[in-house]
């Protein structure tokens, strides 16, 4: 559990967004920023390099980015290779 967000799948960095025409844009932006701050804090606490967020944020919601073995090690997602 990450704040109000659950990350159900290992490796998933997507935040659930509520689509509503009733929510003003500035409030939606605040929610997104709060969610991203929570993810950054959680990654930092786990010792994961925050450079991970570059591909995460550049990948569209309709696509998936798979980290290479080098990225997994370089960004401290894994600390031991099998």
N, C-alpha and C. Protein backbone atom coordinates (compact mmCIF):
# COMPACT_ATOMS: atom_id res chain seq x y z
N UNK A 1 0.85 -1.18 0.00
CA UNK A 1 0.00 0.00 0.00
C UNK A 1 0.90 1.23 0.00
N UNK A 2 0.59 2.18 -0.83
CA UNK A 2 1.37 3.40 -0.96
C UNK A 2 0.41 4.58 -0.84
N UNK A 3 0.33 5.15 0.34
CA UNK A 3 -0.66 6.21 0.55
C UNK A 3 -2.04 5.63 0.31
N UNK A 4 -2.79 6.25 -0.59
CA UNK A 4 -4.11 5.73 -0.95
C UNK A 4 -4.05 4.81 -2.16
N UNK A 5 -2.84 4.53 -2.64
CA UNK A 5 -2.69 3.75 -3.85
C UNK A 5 -2.15 2.36 -3.51
N UNK A 6 -2.73 1.36 -4.12
CA UNK A 6 -2.20 0.01 -4.00
C UNK A 6 -1.49 -0.33 -5.29
N UNK A 7 -0.32 -0.92 -5.19
CA UNK A 7 0.41 -1.35 -6.37
C UNK A 7 0.31 -2.87 -6.38
N UNK A 8 -0.66 -3.40 -7.16
CA UNK A 8 -0.98 -4.83 -7.08
C UNK A 8 0.00 -5.75 -7.80
N UNK A 9 0.79 -5.23 -8.72
CA UNK A 9 1.66 -6.08 -9.51
C UNK A 9 3.09 -5.61 -9.33
N UNK A 10 3.98 -6.53 -9.00
CA UNK A 10 5.40 -6.18 -8.87
C UNK A 10 5.87 -5.58 -10.18
N UNK A 11 6.46 -4.40 -10.10
CA UNK A 11 6.97 -3.75 -11.29
C UNK A 11 6.02 -2.74 -11.89
N UNK A 12 4.81 -2.66 -11.39
CA UNK A 12 3.86 -1.70 -11.92
C UNK A 12 4.06 -0.34 -11.28
N UNK A 13 4.22 0.69 -12.10
CA UNK A 13 4.38 2.04 -11.58
C UNK A 13 3.21 2.93 -11.97
N UNK A 14 2.14 2.34 -12.36
CA UNK A 14 0.99 3.13 -12.78
C UNK A 14 0.19 3.56 -11.56
N UNK A 15 -0.30 4.77 -11.63
CA UNK A 15 -1.17 5.28 -10.58
C UNK A 15 -2.60 5.28 -11.10
N UNK A 16 -3.53 4.83 -10.29
CA UNK A 16 -4.92 4.88 -10.75
C UNK A 16 -5.40 6.32 -10.80
N UNK A 17 -5.97 6.70 -11.92
CA UNK A 17 -6.49 8.05 -12.07
C UNK A 17 -8.01 7.98 -12.16
N UNK A 18 -8.65 8.88 -11.49
CA UNK A 18 -10.10 8.94 -11.53
C UNK A 18 -10.50 9.94 -12.60
N UNK A 19 -11.20 9.45 -13.60
CA UNK A 19 -11.65 10.34 -14.65
C UNK A 19 -13.00 10.92 -14.24
N UNK A 20 -13.03 12.21 -14.12
CA UNK A 20 -14.25 12.87 -13.71
C UNK A 20 -14.31 14.24 -14.36
N UNK A 21 -15.45 14.56 -14.92
CA UNK A 21 -15.61 15.89 -15.47
C UNK A 21 -15.97 16.88 -14.37
N UNK A 22 -16.24 16.37 -13.16
CA UNK A 22 -16.59 17.23 -12.05
C UNK A 22 -15.38 17.74 -11.29
N UNK A 23 -14.23 17.13 -11.49
CA UNK A 23 -13.02 17.50 -10.77
C UNK A 23 -12.27 18.58 -11.54
N UNK A 24 -12.10 19.77 -10.95
CA UNK A 24 -11.36 20.83 -11.65
C UNK A 24 -9.93 20.38 -11.96
N UNK A 25 -9.39 20.90 -13.05
CA UNK A 25 -8.06 20.49 -13.51
C UNK A 25 -6.99 20.70 -12.45
N UNK A 26 -7.06 21.80 -11.70
CA UNK A 26 -6.01 22.05 -10.70
C UNK A 26 -6.06 21.01 -9.59
N UNK A 27 -7.25 20.51 -9.26
CA UNK A 27 -7.33 19.46 -8.24
C UNK A 27 -6.81 18.13 -8.79
N UNK A 28 -7.10 17.86 -10.05
CA UNK A 28 -6.58 16.63 -10.66
C UNK A 28 -5.06 16.67 -10.70
N UNK A 29 -4.50 17.83 -11.05
CA UNK A 29 -3.03 17.98 -11.09
C UNK A 29 -2.44 17.78 -9.70
N UNK A 30 -3.10 18.30 -8.68
CA UNK A 30 -2.61 18.11 -7.30
C UNK A 30 -2.62 16.63 -6.94
N UNK A 31 -3.67 15.91 -7.31
CA UNK A 31 -3.74 14.48 -7.01
C UNK A 31 -2.62 13.72 -7.71
N UNK A 32 -2.36 14.07 -8.97
CA UNK A 32 -1.30 13.40 -9.72
C UNK A 32 0.05 13.69 -9.08
N UNK A 33 0.30 14.94 -8.73
CA UNK A 33 1.57 15.30 -8.09
C UNK A 33 1.74 14.59 -6.75
N UNK A 34 0.67 14.51 -5.98
CA UNK A 34 0.73 13.82 -4.69
C UNK A 34 1.04 12.33 -4.90
N UNK A 35 0.43 11.74 -5.90
CA UNK A 35 0.69 10.33 -6.19
C UNK A 35 2.12 10.10 -6.63
N UNK A 36 2.64 10.98 -7.50
CA UNK A 36 4.02 10.85 -7.96
C UNK A 36 5.00 11.05 -6.81
N UNK A 37 4.69 11.99 -5.93
CA UNK A 37 5.56 12.22 -4.76
C UNK A 37 5.60 10.97 -3.88
N UNK A 38 4.46 10.32 -3.72
CA UNK A 38 4.40 9.09 -2.94
C UNK A 38 5.24 7.99 -3.56
N UNK A 39 5.16 7.85 -4.88
CA UNK A 39 5.96 6.83 -5.58
C UNK A 39 7.45 7.13 -5.43
N UNK A 40 7.85 8.40 -5.63
CA UNK A 40 9.26 8.77 -5.50
C UNK A 40 9.77 8.50 -4.09
N UNK A 41 8.98 8.84 -3.10
CA UNK A 41 9.37 8.60 -1.71
C UNK A 41 9.53 7.11 -1.44
N UNK A 42 8.59 6.32 -1.94
CA UNK A 42 8.64 4.87 -1.74
C UNK A 42 9.87 4.26 -2.42
N UNK A 43 10.14 4.67 -3.66
CA UNK A 43 11.33 4.16 -4.36
C UNK A 43 12.60 4.54 -3.62
N UNK A 44 12.66 5.79 -3.14
CA UNK A 44 13.82 6.25 -2.40
C UNK A 44 14.01 5.45 -1.12
N UNK A 45 12.93 5.19 -0.41
CA UNK A 45 12.99 4.40 0.82
C UNK A 45 13.53 2.99 0.54
N UNK A 46 13.15 2.43 -0.61
CA UNK A 46 13.61 1.09 -0.97
C UNK A 46 15.02 1.09 -1.54
N UNK A 47 15.61 2.28 -1.78
CA UNK A 47 16.95 2.36 -2.33
C UNK A 47 17.01 2.24 -3.83
N UNK A 48 15.86 2.33 -4.49
CA UNK A 48 15.81 2.25 -5.95
C UNK A 48 16.18 3.62 -6.52
N UNK A 49 16.99 3.62 -7.56
CA UNK A 49 17.41 4.87 -8.21
C UNK A 49 16.19 5.55 -8.83
N UNK A 50 16.06 6.84 -8.57
CA UNK A 50 14.90 7.58 -9.07
C UNK A 50 14.94 7.80 -10.58
N UNK A 51 16.06 7.47 -11.24
CA UNK A 51 16.11 7.52 -12.70
C UNK A 51 15.10 6.56 -13.32
N UNK A 52 14.65 5.60 -12.55
CA UNK A 52 13.62 4.66 -12.99
C UNK A 52 12.36 5.38 -13.47
N UNK A 53 12.09 6.54 -12.90
CA UNK A 53 10.87 7.26 -13.23
C UNK A 53 10.90 7.85 -14.64
N UNK A 54 12.08 8.02 -15.25
CA UNK A 54 12.14 8.53 -16.62
C UNK A 54 11.34 7.67 -17.58
N UNK A 55 11.71 6.39 -17.72
CA UNK A 55 10.93 5.52 -18.61
C UNK A 55 9.50 5.32 -18.12
N UNK A 56 9.31 5.30 -16.82
CA UNK A 56 7.96 5.10 -16.29
C UNK A 56 7.02 6.22 -16.73
N UNK A 57 7.51 7.45 -16.65
CA UNK A 57 6.66 8.57 -17.00
C UNK A 57 6.59 8.80 -18.51
N UNK A 58 7.57 8.32 -19.25
CA UNK A 58 7.57 8.50 -20.71
C UNK A 58 6.76 7.42 -21.42
N UNK A 59 6.37 6.38 -20.71
CA UNK A 59 5.61 5.28 -21.31
C UNK A 59 4.13 5.59 -21.21
N UNK A 60 3.44 5.50 -22.34
CA UNK A 60 2.01 5.82 -22.36
C UNK A 60 1.22 4.79 -21.56
N UNK A 61 0.02 5.17 -21.19
CA UNK A 61 -0.85 4.28 -20.41
C UNK A 61 -1.25 3.04 -21.21
N UNK A 62 -1.14 3.10 -22.53
CA UNK A 62 -1.51 1.97 -23.38
C UNK A 62 -0.33 1.05 -23.67
N UNK A 63 0.82 1.34 -23.10
CA UNK A 63 2.03 0.58 -23.39
C UNK A 63 2.66 0.11 -22.09
N UNK A 64 3.69 -0.70 -22.20
CA UNK A 64 4.42 -1.17 -21.03
C UNK A 64 5.90 -1.12 -21.34
N UNK A 65 6.69 -0.70 -20.38
CA UNK A 65 8.14 -0.63 -20.54
C UNK A 65 8.73 -1.74 -19.68
N UNK A 66 9.54 -2.58 -20.28
CA UNK A 66 10.18 -3.68 -19.55
C UNK A 66 11.64 -3.31 -19.32
N UNK A 67 12.03 -3.29 -18.07
CA UNK A 67 13.40 -2.95 -17.72
C UNK A 67 14.35 -4.04 -18.20
N UNK A 68 15.48 -3.61 -18.75
CA UNK A 68 16.50 -4.57 -19.17
C UNK A 68 17.23 -5.08 -17.93
N UNK A 69 17.93 -6.20 -18.05
CA UNK A 69 18.71 -6.69 -16.91
C UNK A 69 19.72 -5.64 -16.43
N UNK A 70 20.30 -4.87 -17.36
CA UNK A 70 21.24 -3.83 -16.96
C UNK A 70 20.54 -2.73 -16.16
N UNK A 71 19.36 -2.30 -16.60
CA UNK A 71 18.61 -1.28 -15.88
C UNK A 71 18.21 -1.78 -14.50
N UNK A 72 17.79 -3.03 -14.41
CA UNK A 72 17.41 -3.60 -13.11
C UNK A 72 18.56 -3.50 -12.11
N UNK A 73 19.77 -3.78 -12.58
CA UNK A 73 20.94 -3.70 -11.71
C UNK A 73 21.43 -2.29 -11.49
N UNK A 74 21.53 -1.51 -12.58
CA UNK A 74 22.05 -0.14 -12.49
C UNK A 74 21.17 0.74 -11.60
N UNK A 75 19.87 0.48 -11.61
CA UNK A 75 18.94 1.33 -10.86
C UNK A 75 18.56 0.69 -9.51
N UNK A 76 19.26 -0.37 -9.13
CA UNK A 76 19.08 -1.02 -7.83
C UNK A 76 17.67 -1.56 -7.60
N UNK A 77 17.02 -1.99 -8.69
CA UNK A 77 15.72 -2.66 -8.56
C UNK A 77 15.96 -4.06 -8.01
N UNK A 78 17.05 -4.67 -8.46
CA UNK A 78 17.51 -5.95 -7.92
C UNK A 78 18.93 -5.72 -7.39
N UNK A 79 19.26 -6.39 -6.34
CA UNK A 79 20.59 -6.22 -5.75
C UNK A 79 21.44 -7.48 -5.91
N UNK A 80 20.82 -8.57 -6.31
CA UNK A 80 21.55 -9.82 -6.54
C UNK A 80 21.06 -10.44 -7.82
N UNK A 81 21.96 -10.91 -8.62
CA UNK A 81 21.59 -11.61 -9.84
C UNK A 81 21.53 -13.12 -9.54
N UNK A 82 20.51 -13.80 -10.03
CA UNK A 82 20.41 -15.26 -9.78
C UNK A 82 21.51 -16.03 -10.45
